C-alpha cells in the first residue's frame, strides 16, 4: 500500500500533468472551454451497524454542500477530472451519544460519460479525505449517476476499512458539459 506522501504526490502529478496535456490538444478550438464549477447538495447515510465506538462515523446521517471544480480531459468530452471540497452537518439518533459536529470532505474524482449528448449516464471513482472531530479518514468513492445539461444526479458508496456510507446528491453546474461536436472556425 502506498504511503500518504506518495498518494498525494500521485494526485498532485495527475492534477498538473493531465490538464496541461488536455489544454494543449484543445487550444486550437476557441469555443472549447473545459473548466466549469458546480455546487452539489448531498446527504450521507452510514451503512451497517454504527454502535462500536472505535469503528464508526460517530453520527448516523448528514446533509451538506460540496463545491466542485471540473475539468474535461478530452475533446470527445467522455472523461472528466474534478477537485471537490465542502461541509456537511451531521445528525445522530437519540441513542447515539456523539454530538453534532461538521464533516469536511475533500477529494479528487474521475468520471467517464457513456454518451456525448445533453443526457448521459456516467460512472466514476473518487479518492478523498474526510475530517470529522479533528480525525482524518481516507475514503474511496465509486460513483454512478446521470447528467442532463447543467444538472447531475449521483450516488456514491464511500468505502473506509471499518465502515461504509452511501451518498445521494444533486449537482448544478454553472456551465453545460462541453460536447465533442465543435463548431467550425471561419
N, C-alpha and C. Protein backbone atom coordinates (compact mmCIF):
# COMPACT_ATOMS: atom_id res chain seq x y z
N UNK A 1 0.85 -1.18 0.00
CA UNK A 1 0.00 0.00 0.00
C UNK A 1 0.89 1.24 0.00
N UNK A 2 0.47 2.25 -0.74
CA UNK A 2 1.26 3.47 -0.85
C UNK A 2 1.19 4.29 0.43
N UNK A 3 2.27 4.96 0.75
CA UNK A 3 2.26 5.85 1.90
C UNK A 3 1.46 7.10 1.56
N UNK A 4 1.12 7.86 2.57
CA UNK A 4 0.32 9.06 2.37
C UNK A 4 1.04 10.09 1.50
N UNK A 5 2.34 10.21 1.66
CA UNK A 5 3.10 11.17 0.86
C UNK A 5 3.10 10.77 -0.61
N UNK A 6 3.23 9.48 -0.88
CA UNK A 6 3.21 9.02 -2.27
C UNK A 6 1.83 9.18 -2.90
N UNK A 7 0.77 8.96 -2.11
CA UNK A 7 -0.59 9.15 -2.63
C UNK A 7 -0.81 10.60 -3.04
N UNK A 8 -0.43 11.52 -2.18
CA UNK A 8 -0.62 12.93 -2.51
C UNK A 8 0.30 13.38 -3.64
N UNK A 9 1.50 12.79 -3.75
CA UNK A 9 2.38 13.10 -4.87
C UNK A 9 1.76 12.63 -6.18
N UNK A 10 1.15 11.46 -6.18
CA UNK A 10 0.47 10.95 -7.37
C UNK A 10 -0.71 11.84 -7.75
N UNK A 11 -1.50 12.23 -6.78
CA UNK A 11 -2.64 13.11 -7.05
C UNK A 11 -2.16 14.45 -7.60
N UNK A 12 -1.12 15.02 -7.00
CA UNK A 12 -0.59 16.29 -7.47
C UNK A 12 -0.07 16.17 -8.90
N UNK A 13 0.61 15.06 -9.21
CA UNK A 13 1.12 14.81 -10.56
C UNK A 13 -0.03 14.75 -11.57
N UNK A 14 -1.10 14.03 -11.21
CA UNK A 14 -2.25 13.93 -12.12
C UNK A 14 -2.92 15.29 -12.32
N UNK A 15 -3.02 16.05 -11.24
CA UNK A 15 -3.68 17.36 -11.34
C UNK A 15 -2.89 18.36 -12.17
N UNK A 16 -1.58 18.22 -12.23
CA UNK A 16 -0.78 19.17 -13.01
C UNK A 16 -0.52 18.70 -14.43
N UNK A 17 -0.30 17.42 -14.63
CA UNK A 17 0.07 16.93 -15.96
C UNK A 17 -1.13 16.76 -16.89
N UNK A 18 -2.20 16.13 -16.43
CA UNK A 18 -3.33 15.86 -17.30
C UNK A 18 -4.00 17.11 -17.86
N UNK A 19 -4.27 18.15 -17.05
CA UNK A 19 -4.84 19.35 -17.64
C UNK A 19 -3.92 20.03 -18.65
N UNK A 20 -2.61 19.99 -18.42
CA UNK A 20 -1.67 20.58 -19.37
C UNK A 20 -1.74 19.87 -20.71
N UNK A 21 -1.72 18.54 -20.70
CA UNK A 21 -1.81 17.78 -21.94
C UNK A 21 -3.14 18.00 -22.64
N UNK A 22 -4.20 18.05 -21.87
CA UNK A 22 -5.52 18.25 -22.45
C UNK A 22 -5.65 19.65 -23.03
N UNK A 23 -5.12 20.66 -22.34
CA UNK A 23 -5.20 22.02 -22.84
C UNK A 23 -4.44 22.18 -24.15
N UNK A 24 -3.31 21.51 -24.27
CA UNK A 24 -2.52 21.64 -25.49
C UNK A 24 -3.26 21.05 -26.68
N UNK A 25 -4.09 20.03 -26.48
CA UNK A 25 -4.84 19.49 -27.60
C UNK A 25 -6.12 20.27 -27.87
N UNK A 26 -6.64 21.01 -26.88
CA UNK A 26 -7.90 21.71 -27.04
C UNK A 26 -7.74 23.19 -27.41
N UNK A 27 -6.54 23.73 -27.36
CA UNK A 27 -6.38 25.16 -27.56
C UNK A 27 -6.64 25.59 -29.00
N UNK A 28 -6.70 24.65 -29.94
CA UNK A 28 -6.96 25.00 -31.32
C UNK A 28 -8.41 25.43 -31.54
N UNK A 29 -9.31 25.11 -30.64
CA UNK A 29 -10.71 25.46 -30.80
C UNK A 29 -11.06 26.57 -29.80
N UNK A 30 -11.36 27.75 -30.27
CA UNK A 30 -11.61 28.88 -29.37
C UNK A 30 -12.95 28.81 -28.66
N UNK A 31 -13.86 27.92 -29.11
CA UNK A 31 -15.16 27.78 -28.47
C UNK A 31 -15.14 26.78 -27.31
N UNK A 32 -14.07 26.05 -27.19
CA UNK A 32 -13.99 24.97 -26.21
C UNK A 32 -13.39 25.48 -24.91
N UNK A 33 -14.15 25.43 -23.83
CA UNK A 33 -13.65 25.79 -22.51
C UNK A 33 -13.87 24.61 -21.59
N UNK A 34 -12.83 23.88 -21.23
CA UNK A 34 -13.01 22.62 -20.49
C UNK A 34 -13.22 22.76 -18.99
N UNK A 35 -13.14 23.97 -18.44
CA UNK A 35 -13.25 24.15 -16.98
C UNK A 35 -14.64 24.68 -16.63
N UNK A 36 -15.24 24.09 -15.59
CA UNK A 36 -16.51 24.60 -15.07
C UNK A 36 -16.60 24.32 -13.58
N UNK A 37 -17.53 25.00 -12.91
CA UNK A 37 -17.70 24.88 -11.47
C UNK A 37 -19.12 24.43 -11.19
N UNK A 38 -19.28 23.57 -10.19
CA UNK A 38 -20.62 23.12 -9.82
C UNK A 38 -20.76 23.10 -8.30
N UNK A 39 -22.01 23.15 -7.86
CA UNK A 39 -22.35 23.07 -6.45
C UNK A 39 -23.29 21.90 -6.27
N UNK A 40 -23.00 21.07 -5.27
CA UNK A 40 -23.81 19.87 -5.02
C UNK A 40 -24.41 19.93 -3.63
N UNK A 41 -25.64 19.47 -3.55
CA UNK A 41 -26.27 19.22 -2.27
C UNK A 41 -26.37 17.72 -2.11
N UNK A 42 -25.89 17.20 -1.00
CA UNK A 42 -25.89 15.75 -0.85
C UNK A 42 -26.23 15.35 0.58
N UNK A 43 -26.62 14.12 0.71
CA UNK A 43 -26.90 13.55 2.02
C UNK A 43 -26.10 12.26 2.17
N UNK A 44 -25.68 11.96 3.37
CA UNK A 44 -24.82 10.79 3.65
C UNK A 44 -25.50 9.94 4.71
N UNK A 45 -25.55 8.63 4.45
CA UNK A 45 -26.11 7.67 5.39
C UNK A 45 -25.04 6.64 5.73
N UNK A 46 -24.93 6.30 7.00
CA UNK A 46 -23.98 5.29 7.45
C UNK A 46 -24.58 3.92 7.14
N UNK A 47 -23.76 3.02 6.58
CA UNK A 47 -24.21 1.68 6.22
C UNK A 47 -23.75 0.71 7.30
N UNK A 48 -24.64 -0.15 7.72
CA UNK A 48 -24.29 -1.18 8.70
C UNK A 48 -24.43 -0.69 10.13
N UNK A 49 -24.06 -1.55 11.07
CA UNK A 49 -24.17 -1.15 12.49
C UNK A 49 -23.22 -0.01 12.81
N UNK A 50 -23.70 0.89 13.63
CA UNK A 50 -22.93 2.08 14.00
C UNK A 50 -22.84 2.16 15.52
N UNK A 51 -22.47 1.05 16.15
CA UNK A 51 -22.52 1.01 17.60
C UNK A 51 -21.16 0.81 18.29
N UNK A 52 -20.12 0.49 17.56
CA UNK A 52 -18.81 0.30 18.17
C UNK A 52 -18.07 1.63 18.17
N UNK A 53 -17.62 2.09 19.32
CA UNK A 53 -17.07 3.43 19.46
C UNK A 53 -15.85 3.68 18.59
N UNK A 54 -14.96 2.71 18.42
CA UNK A 54 -13.73 2.93 17.67
C UNK A 54 -13.88 2.76 16.17
N UNK A 55 -14.92 2.09 15.70
CA UNK A 55 -15.04 1.83 14.27
C UNK A 55 -16.39 2.30 13.75
N UNK A 56 -16.65 3.58 13.88
CA UNK A 56 -17.90 4.12 13.35
C UNK A 56 -17.70 5.59 12.99
N UNK A 57 -18.66 6.13 12.31
CA UNK A 57 -18.61 7.53 11.92
C UNK A 57 -18.88 8.48 13.08
N UNK A 58 -19.47 8.02 14.14
CA UNK A 58 -19.90 8.83 15.29
C UNK A 58 -21.06 9.74 14.95
N UNK A 59 -21.76 9.46 13.87
CA UNK A 59 -23.03 10.10 13.55
C UNK A 59 -23.83 9.13 12.70
N UNK A 60 -25.12 9.42 12.52
CA UNK A 60 -25.99 8.50 11.79
C UNK A 60 -26.29 8.95 10.36
N UNK A 61 -26.40 10.24 10.14
CA UNK A 61 -26.61 10.76 8.79
C UNK A 61 -26.16 12.23 8.75
N UNK A 62 -25.95 12.73 7.54
CA UNK A 62 -25.50 14.10 7.37
C UNK A 62 -26.05 14.70 6.08
N UNK A 63 -26.05 16.01 6.02
CA UNK A 63 -26.51 16.73 4.84
C UNK A 63 -25.61 17.95 4.66
N UNK A 64 -25.28 18.27 3.41
CA UNK A 64 -24.36 19.39 3.22
C UNK A 64 -24.20 19.82 1.79
N UNK A 65 -23.27 20.76 1.59
CA UNK A 65 -22.95 21.32 0.28
C UNK A 65 -21.50 21.02 -0.06
N UNK A 66 -21.27 20.77 -1.36
CA UNK A 66 -19.93 20.50 -1.85
C UNK A 66 -19.72 21.30 -3.13
N UNK A 67 -18.60 22.02 -3.22
CA UNK A 67 -18.21 22.71 -4.44
C UNK A 67 -17.23 21.86 -5.22
N UNK A 68 -17.34 21.89 -6.54
CA UNK A 68 -16.51 21.02 -7.37
C UNK A 68 -16.00 21.79 -8.58
N UNK A 69 -14.70 21.77 -8.79
CA UNK A 69 -14.06 22.35 -9.97
C UNK A 69 -13.79 21.21 -10.94
N UNK A 70 -14.42 21.25 -12.12
CA UNK A 70 -14.40 20.14 -13.07
C UNK A 70 -13.61 20.52 -14.31
N UNK A 71 -12.81 19.58 -14.79
CA UNK A 71 -12.01 19.79 -16.00
C UNK A 71 -12.27 18.64 -16.96
N UNK A 72 -12.69 18.94 -18.19
CA UNK A 72 -12.93 17.93 -19.21
C UNK A 72 -11.59 17.60 -19.87
N UNK A 73 -11.25 16.31 -19.91
CA UNK A 73 -9.92 15.89 -20.33
C UNK A 73 -9.72 15.75 -21.83
N UNK A 74 -10.76 15.43 -22.57
CA UNK A 74 -10.56 15.17 -24.00
C UNK A 74 -11.62 15.90 -24.82
N UNK A 75 -11.37 16.02 -26.12
CA UNK A 75 -12.31 16.73 -26.99
C UNK A 75 -13.60 15.96 -27.22
N UNK A 76 -13.61 14.69 -26.97
CA UNK A 76 -14.84 13.91 -27.11
C UNK A 76 -15.72 14.05 -25.88
N UNK A 77 -15.25 14.72 -24.85
CA UNK A 77 -15.99 15.00 -23.62
C UNK A 77 -16.47 13.74 -22.93
N UNK A 78 -15.66 12.71 -22.94
CA UNK A 78 -16.02 11.45 -22.27
C UNK A 78 -15.41 11.37 -20.87
N UNK A 79 -14.26 12.00 -20.65
CA UNK A 79 -13.56 11.90 -19.38
C UNK A 79 -13.47 13.25 -18.70
N UNK A 80 -13.68 13.23 -17.39
CA UNK A 80 -13.54 14.45 -16.59
C UNK A 80 -12.78 14.13 -15.31
N UNK A 81 -12.09 15.14 -14.82
CA UNK A 81 -11.40 15.04 -13.54
C UNK A 81 -11.85 16.24 -12.72
N UNK A 82 -12.02 16.06 -11.42
CA UNK A 82 -12.51 17.17 -10.60
C UNK A 82 -11.88 17.15 -9.22
N UNK A 83 -11.89 18.33 -8.62
CA UNK A 83 -11.48 18.52 -7.23
C UNK A 83 -12.71 19.03 -6.49
N UNK A 84 -12.97 18.46 -5.33
CA UNK A 84 -14.15 18.88 -4.58
C UNK A 84 -13.81 19.12 -3.11
N UNK A 85 -14.58 19.99 -2.50
CA UNK A 85 -14.46 20.26 -1.07
C UNK A 85 -15.79 20.82 -0.59
N UNK A 86 -16.12 20.57 0.65
CA UNK A 86 -17.40 21.06 1.17
C UNK A 86 -17.51 20.90 2.66
N UNK A 87 -18.75 20.97 3.13
CA UNK A 87 -19.03 20.81 4.55
C UNK A 87 -20.40 20.14 4.69
N UNK A 88 -20.51 19.23 5.66
CA UNK A 88 -21.75 18.53 5.93
C UNK A 88 -22.11 18.68 7.39
N UNK A 89 -23.37 18.91 7.66
CA UNK A 89 -23.88 18.94 9.02
C UNK A 89 -24.29 17.53 9.37
N UNK A 90 -23.87 17.03 10.52
CA UNK A 90 -24.17 15.65 10.91
C UNK A 90 -25.25 15.62 11.97
N UNK A 91 -26.01 14.54 11.96
CA UNK A 91 -27.10 14.33 12.91
C UNK A 91 -26.99 12.93 13.49
N UNK A 92 -27.45 12.79 14.72
CA UNK A 92 -27.40 11.49 15.38
C UNK A 92 -28.77 11.15 15.93
N UNK A 93 -29.03 9.85 16.02
CA UNK A 93 -30.25 9.39 16.67
C UNK A 93 -30.13 9.63 18.17
N UNK A 94 -31.24 9.70 18.88
CA UNK A 94 -31.17 10.00 20.32
C UNK A 94 -30.33 9.01 21.13
N UNK A 95 -30.26 7.74 20.71
CA UNK A 95 -29.49 6.78 21.49
C UNK A 95 -27.99 6.85 21.20
N UNK A 96 -27.58 7.58 20.21
CA UNK A 96 -26.16 7.76 19.92
C UNK A 96 -25.64 8.92 20.75
N UNK A 97 -24.58 8.72 21.49
CA UNK A 97 -24.11 9.72 22.44
C UNK A 97 -23.19 10.78 21.83
N UNK A 98 -22.87 10.66 20.54
CA UNK A 98 -21.97 11.65 19.95
C UNK A 98 -22.69 12.98 19.73
N UNK A 99 -21.94 14.04 19.68
CA UNK A 99 -22.52 15.36 19.46
C UNK A 99 -22.53 15.67 17.96
N UNK A 100 -23.35 16.62 17.57
CA UNK A 100 -23.45 17.01 16.17
C UNK A 100 -22.26 17.91 15.82
N UNK A 101 -21.40 17.43 14.95
CA UNK A 101 -20.21 18.17 14.51
C UNK A 101 -20.17 18.15 12.99
N UNK A 102 -19.48 19.11 12.37
CA UNK A 102 -19.41 19.12 10.90
C UNK A 102 -18.43 18.08 10.37
N UNK A 103 -18.77 17.56 9.21
CA UNK A 103 -17.89 16.67 8.45
C UNK A 103 -17.37 17.47 7.28
N UNK A 104 -16.06 17.47 7.07
CA UNK A 104 -15.45 18.25 5.99
C UNK A 104 -14.84 17.29 4.97
N UNK A 105 -15.53 17.06 3.84
CA UNK A 105 -14.98 16.18 2.80
C UNK A 105 -14.17 16.97 1.77
N UNK A 106 -13.13 16.34 1.24
CA UNK A 106 -12.34 16.90 0.14
C UNK A 106 -11.81 15.73 -0.66
N UNK A 107 -11.68 15.90 -1.97
CA UNK A 107 -11.19 14.78 -2.76
C UNK A 107 -10.99 15.10 -4.22
N UNK A 108 -10.60 14.07 -4.95
CA UNK A 108 -10.38 14.15 -6.38
C UNK A 108 -11.22 13.03 -7.02
N UNK A 109 -11.86 13.32 -8.14
CA UNK A 109 -12.74 12.37 -8.81
C UNK A 109 -12.38 12.27 -10.29
N UNK A 110 -12.66 11.11 -10.87
CA UNK A 110 -12.53 10.90 -12.31
C UNK A 110 -13.84 10.29 -12.78
N UNK A 111 -14.43 10.89 -13.84
CA UNK A 111 -15.72 10.43 -14.36
C UNK A 111 -15.57 10.00 -15.81
N UNK A 112 -16.39 9.03 -16.21
CA UNK A 112 -16.50 8.60 -17.60
C UNK A 112 -17.96 8.69 -18.01
N UNK A 113 -18.25 9.48 -19.06
CA UNK A 113 -19.61 9.65 -19.58
C UNK A 113 -19.80 8.72 -20.77
N UNK A 114 -20.89 7.97 -20.77
CA UNK A 114 -21.14 6.98 -21.82
C UNK A 114 -21.58 7.61 -23.14
N UNK A 115 -22.31 8.70 -23.09
CA UNK A 115 -22.87 9.33 -24.28
C UNK A 115 -22.44 10.79 -24.30
N UNK A 116 -22.10 11.30 -25.47
CA UNK A 116 -21.71 12.70 -25.60
C UNK A 116 -22.90 13.51 -26.08
N UNK A 117 -23.90 13.64 -25.22
CA UNK A 117 -25.09 14.43 -25.53
C UNK A 117 -25.56 15.11 -24.27
N UNK A 118 -26.70 15.81 -24.35
CA UNK A 118 -27.22 16.53 -23.18
C UNK A 118 -27.54 15.57 -22.04
N UNK A 119 -28.14 14.42 -22.35
CA UNK A 119 -28.46 13.41 -21.34
C UNK A 119 -27.41 12.30 -21.42
N UNK A 120 -26.75 12.01 -20.31
CA UNK A 120 -25.71 10.99 -20.34
C UNK A 120 -25.56 10.31 -18.98
N UNK A 121 -25.62 8.99 -18.94
CA UNK A 121 -25.24 8.30 -17.71
C UNK A 121 -23.72 8.30 -17.57
N UNK A 122 -23.24 8.21 -16.35
CA UNK A 122 -21.79 8.21 -16.12
C UNK A 122 -21.44 7.34 -14.93
N UNK A 123 -20.17 6.96 -14.89
CA UNK A 123 -19.60 6.26 -13.74
C UNK A 123 -18.34 7.02 -13.33
N UNK A 124 -17.90 6.79 -12.14
CA UNK A 124 -16.69 7.48 -11.69
C UNK A 124 -16.10 6.82 -10.46
N UNK A 125 -14.95 7.31 -10.11
CA UNK A 125 -14.27 6.87 -8.89
C UNK A 125 -13.62 8.09 -8.26
N UNK A 126 -13.68 8.14 -6.96
CA UNK A 126 -13.08 9.26 -6.25
C UNK A 126 -12.24 8.78 -5.08
N UNK A 127 -11.26 9.57 -4.73
CA UNK A 127 -10.43 9.29 -3.57
C UNK A 127 -10.33 10.58 -2.78
N UNK A 128 -10.62 10.51 -1.49
CA UNK A 128 -10.60 11.74 -0.73
C UNK A 128 -10.31 11.52 0.73
N UNK A 129 -10.49 12.61 1.44
CA UNK A 129 -10.26 12.64 2.87
C UNK A 129 -11.49 13.27 3.51
N UNK A 130 -11.89 12.74 4.65
CA UNK A 130 -13.00 13.31 5.41
C UNK A 130 -12.49 13.64 6.81
N UNK A 131 -12.71 14.86 7.22
CA UNK A 131 -12.29 15.29 8.55
C UNK A 131 -13.54 15.40 9.40
N UNK A 132 -13.58 14.61 10.47
CA UNK A 132 -14.69 14.64 11.41
C UNK A 132 -14.11 14.57 12.81
N UNK A 133 -14.46 15.53 13.64
CA UNK A 133 -13.99 15.58 15.03
C UNK A 133 -12.45 15.57 15.09
N UNK A 134 -11.82 16.36 14.19
CA UNK A 134 -10.37 16.50 14.10
C UNK A 134 -9.65 15.17 13.82
N UNK A 135 -10.33 14.24 13.18
CA UNK A 135 -9.72 12.98 12.77
C UNK A 135 -9.92 12.83 11.26
N UNK A 136 -8.84 12.53 10.55
CA UNK A 136 -8.92 12.36 9.09
C UNK A 136 -9.11 10.90 8.75
N UNK A 137 -10.03 10.64 7.82
CA UNK A 137 -10.26 9.30 7.30
C UNK A 137 -10.13 9.37 5.79
N UNK A 138 -9.40 8.41 5.20
CA UNK A 138 -9.26 8.35 3.75
C UNK A 138 -10.35 7.45 3.20
N UNK A 139 -10.97 7.88 2.11
CA UNK A 139 -12.16 7.21 1.60
C UNK A 139 -12.09 7.03 0.09
N UNK A 140 -12.56 5.89 -0.37
CA UNK A 140 -12.68 5.59 -1.79
C UNK A 140 -14.16 5.64 -2.14
N UNK A 141 -14.52 6.36 -3.23
CA UNK A 141 -15.93 6.58 -3.55
C UNK A 141 -16.26 6.20 -4.99
N UNK A 142 -16.70 4.96 -5.26
CA UNK A 142 -17.24 4.65 -6.58
C UNK A 142 -18.56 5.41 -6.77
N UNK A 143 -18.79 5.92 -7.99
CA UNK A 143 -19.93 6.80 -8.26
C UNK A 143 -20.68 6.34 -9.50
N UNK A 144 -22.00 6.44 -9.46
CA UNK A 144 -22.83 6.28 -10.65
C UNK A 144 -23.80 7.45 -10.69
N UNK A 145 -24.28 7.79 -11.89
CA UNK A 145 -25.23 8.88 -11.98
C UNK A 145 -25.66 9.16 -13.40
N UNK A 146 -26.48 10.19 -13.52
CA UNK A 146 -26.92 10.67 -14.83
C UNK A 146 -26.78 12.19 -14.84
N UNK A 147 -26.52 12.72 -16.03
CA UNK A 147 -26.44 14.18 -16.17
C UNK A 147 -27.35 14.62 -17.31
N UNK A 148 -27.92 15.80 -17.13
CA UNK A 148 -28.73 16.40 -18.18
C UNK A 148 -28.43 17.90 -18.18
N UNK A 149 -27.79 18.35 -19.23
CA UNK A 149 -27.37 19.74 -19.39
C UNK A 149 -26.59 20.21 -18.16
N UNK A 150 -27.16 21.06 -17.31
CA UNK A 150 -26.43 21.59 -16.16
C UNK A 150 -26.69 20.85 -14.85
N UNK A 151 -27.57 19.84 -14.87
CA UNK A 151 -27.96 19.11 -13.66
C UNK A 151 -27.35 17.71 -13.69
N UNK A 152 -26.89 17.27 -12.53
CA UNK A 152 -26.32 15.94 -12.39
C UNK A 152 -26.88 15.32 -11.11
N UNK A 153 -27.36 14.07 -11.19
CA UNK A 153 -27.84 13.32 -10.04
C UNK A 153 -26.90 12.14 -9.87
N UNK A 154 -26.44 11.90 -8.64
CA UNK A 154 -25.43 10.87 -8.44
C UNK A 154 -25.65 10.12 -7.13
N UNK A 155 -25.03 8.94 -7.07
CA UNK A 155 -24.99 8.13 -5.85
C UNK A 155 -23.56 7.62 -5.69
N UNK A 156 -23.06 7.67 -4.48
CA UNK A 156 -21.70 7.21 -4.18
C UNK A 156 -21.75 6.22 -3.03
N UNK A 157 -20.83 5.27 -3.08
CA UNK A 157 -20.67 4.34 -1.98
C UNK A 157 -19.30 4.58 -1.37
N UNK A 158 -19.25 5.19 -0.21
CA UNK A 158 -17.99 5.52 0.45
C UNK A 158 -17.41 4.31 1.16
N UNK A 159 -16.18 3.95 0.81
CA UNK A 159 -15.55 2.76 1.38
C UNK A 159 -14.39 3.18 2.27
N UNK A 160 -14.50 2.84 3.54
CA UNK A 160 -13.42 3.00 4.51
C UNK A 160 -13.22 1.62 5.13
N UNK A 161 -12.08 1.32 5.62
CA UNK A 161 -11.78 -0.03 6.13
C UNK A 161 -12.82 -0.55 7.11
N UNK A 162 -13.16 0.23 8.12
CA UNK A 162 -14.02 -0.27 9.18
C UNK A 162 -15.51 -0.10 8.90
N UNK A 163 -15.89 0.88 8.12
CA UNK A 163 -17.30 1.20 7.92
C UNK A 163 -17.49 1.88 6.57
N UNK A 164 -18.71 1.89 6.11
CA UNK A 164 -19.03 2.43 4.79
C UNK A 164 -20.19 3.41 4.89
N UNK A 165 -20.43 4.11 3.78
CA UNK A 165 -21.54 5.07 3.74
C UNK A 165 -22.09 5.16 2.32
N UNK A 166 -23.29 5.68 2.22
CA UNK A 166 -23.92 5.95 0.92
C UNK A 166 -24.21 7.44 0.86
N UNK A 167 -23.83 8.06 -0.25
CA UNK A 167 -24.14 9.47 -0.50
C UNK A 167 -25.06 9.56 -1.71
N UNK A 168 -26.09 10.38 -1.59
CA UNK A 168 -27.00 10.65 -2.69
C UNK A 168 -27.06 12.15 -2.84
N UNK A 169 -26.93 12.65 -4.08
CA UNK A 169 -26.91 14.09 -4.25
C UNK A 169 -27.35 14.55 -5.62
N UNK A 170 -27.51 15.86 -5.72
CA UNK A 170 -27.85 16.53 -6.96
C UNK A 170 -26.89 17.70 -7.11
N UNK A 171 -26.43 17.92 -8.32
CA UNK A 171 -25.42 18.93 -8.58
C UNK A 171 -25.89 19.88 -9.68
N UNK A 172 -25.59 21.16 -9.50
CA UNK A 172 -25.89 22.15 -10.52
C UNK A 172 -24.56 22.75 -11.00
N UNK A 173 -24.32 22.68 -12.30
CA UNK A 173 -23.11 23.24 -12.89
C UNK A 173 -23.48 24.59 -13.50
N UNK A 174 -22.60 25.56 -13.35
CA UNK A 174 -22.89 26.90 -13.86
C UNK A 174 -22.66 27.01 -15.37
N UNK A 175 -22.18 25.93 -15.97
CA UNK A 175 -21.98 25.88 -17.41
C UNK A 175 -22.23 24.44 -17.86
N UNK A 176 -22.78 24.26 -19.06
CA UNK A 176 -23.04 22.91 -19.55
C UNK A 176 -21.74 22.16 -19.79
N UNK A 177 -21.83 20.85 -19.72
CA UNK A 177 -20.69 19.99 -20.01
C UNK A 177 -20.33 20.15 -21.49
N UNK A 178 -19.05 20.35 -21.82
CA UNK A 178 -18.69 20.50 -23.23
C UNK A 178 -19.03 19.25 -24.01
N UNK A 179 -19.39 19.43 -25.26
CA UNK A 179 -19.66 18.28 -26.10
C UNK A 179 -18.53 18.10 -27.10
N UNK A 180 -18.50 16.96 -27.75
CA UNK A 180 -17.47 16.67 -28.73
C UNK A 180 -17.78 17.21 -30.10
N UNK A 181 -18.90 17.91 -30.24
CA UNK A 181 -19.29 18.46 -31.55
C UNK A 181 -18.93 19.94 -31.58
N UNK A 182 -17.82 20.28 -32.19
CA UNK A 182 -17.32 21.64 -32.18
C UNK A 182 -17.76 22.40 -33.41
N UNK A 183 -18.06 23.70 -33.28
CA UNK A 183 -18.34 24.49 -34.49
C UNK A 183 -17.06 24.69 -35.30
N UNK A 184 -17.22 24.86 -36.57
CA UNK A 184 -16.05 25.06 -37.43
C UNK A 184 -15.59 26.49 -37.36
N UNK A 185 -14.30 26.69 -37.42
CA UNK A 185 -13.72 28.05 -37.42
C UNK A 185 -13.80 28.63 -38.82
N UNK A 186 -14.07 29.92 -38.92
CA UNK A 186 -14.15 30.59 -40.23
C UNK A 186 -12.83 31.16 -40.62
